[in-house]
Amino acid sequence: MAAAPEIGRLLVTTFHNKWFSIVRFNVGDVVRFLDPGSCPCGRKMGYTAVMEGRARDITFKLNGKAVTVNQA
């Protein structure tokens, strides 16, 4: 599995619907990905993430790195 980016947009899709499985909804949320196995709930598979805010509220450092409301 490739390493997850530190911060990313959350895209939502439907499951168990063969006609709409490729539809993705950009809900405008930004999440910070946790290291695999670090979820407090004990989940060990897939990506786990923490909500960081809304995409419209992101600003950027001079080096281009995104900064969210929770990080400011």
Protein backbone atom coordinates (compact mmCIF):
# COMPACT_ATOMS: atom_id res chain seq x y z
CA MET A 1 0.00 0.00 0.00
CA ALA A 2 1.36 3.43 -0.92
CA ALA A 3 1.89 6.02 1.77
CA ALA A 4 -1.05 8.33 2.31
CA PRO A 5 -0.64 12.08 1.93
CA GLU A 6 -0.60 14.00 5.20
CA ILE A 7 -3.71 16.07 4.38
CA GLY A 8 -6.34 15.45 1.73
CA ARG A 9 -9.91 16.05 0.62
CA LEU A 10 -12.55 13.58 1.64
CA LEU A 11 -14.42 12.00 -1.27
CA VAL A 12 -17.52 9.92 -0.60
CA THR A 13 -18.95 7.19 -2.82
CA THR A 14 -21.76 4.67 -2.65
CA PHE A 15 -21.21 0.98 -1.92
CA HIS A 16 -23.13 -2.03 -3.18
CA ASN A 17 -24.67 -0.14 -6.11
CA LYS A 18 -23.22 -1.42 -9.39
CA TRP A 19 -24.64 1.51 -11.38
CA PHE A 20 -23.23 4.34 -9.26
CA SER A 21 -20.01 2.86 -7.87
CA ILE A 22 -17.83 5.29 -9.85
CA VAL A 23 -19.64 8.43 -8.66
CA ARG A 24 -17.59 10.42 -6.16
CA PHE A 25 -18.93 13.30 -4.10
CA ASN A 26 -16.54 16.03 -2.99
CA VAL A 27 -18.18 17.09 0.27
CA GLY A 28 -15.64 19.86 0.97
CA ASP A 29 -14.09 18.27 4.06
CA VAL A 30 -10.35 18.02 4.65
CA VAL A 31 -8.82 15.20 6.70
CA ARG A 32 -5.41 14.37 8.16
CA PHE A 33 -4.45 10.75 7.61
CA LEU A 34 -3.17 8.78 10.60
CA ASP A 35 -0.40 6.22 10.48
CA PRO A 36 -1.68 2.69 9.80
CA GLY A 37 -2.62 0.98 13.02
CA SER A 38 -2.84 4.21 15.02
CA CYS A 39 -6.64 4.52 15.18
CA PRO A 40 -7.93 4.70 18.78
CA CYS A 41 -10.81 2.40 17.77
CA GLY A 42 -8.32 -0.40 17.01
CA ARG A 43 -8.88 -0.45 13.24
CA LYS A 44 -5.82 -1.84 11.47
CA MET A 45 -6.85 -1.89 7.77
CA GLY A 46 -7.24 0.94 5.28
CA TYR A 47 -6.72 4.58 6.00
CA THR A 48 -7.92 6.25 9.18
CA ALA A 49 -8.29 10.01 9.32
CA VAL A 50 -9.10 12.94 11.57
CA MET A 51 -11.29 15.83 10.39
CA GLU A 52 -9.22 18.99 9.94
CA GLY A 53 -11.83 21.42 8.60
CA ARG A 54 -13.23 22.58 5.28
CA ALA A 55 -11.37 22.82 1.97
CA ARG A 56 -12.36 26.47 1.55
CA ASP A 57 -10.55 27.36 4.80
CA ILE A 58 -7.13 25.97 3.80
CA THR A 59 -4.21 28.35 3.48
CA PHE A 60 -0.66 27.59 2.35
CA LYS A 61 2.83 28.13 3.72
CA LEU A 62 5.54 29.67 1.53
CA ASN A 63 6.84 26.15 0.76
CA GLY A 64 3.40 25.16 -0.59
CA LYS A 65 2.40 22.95 2.35
CA ALA A 66 -1.31 23.15 3.24
CA VAL A 67 -2.33 24.48 6.66
CA THR A 68 -5.81 23.76 8.02
CA VAL A 69 -7.86 25.59 10.65
CA ASN A 70 -7.00 22.90 13.23
CA GLN A 71 -3.28 23.39 12.61
CA ALA A 72 -3.29 27.19 12.79
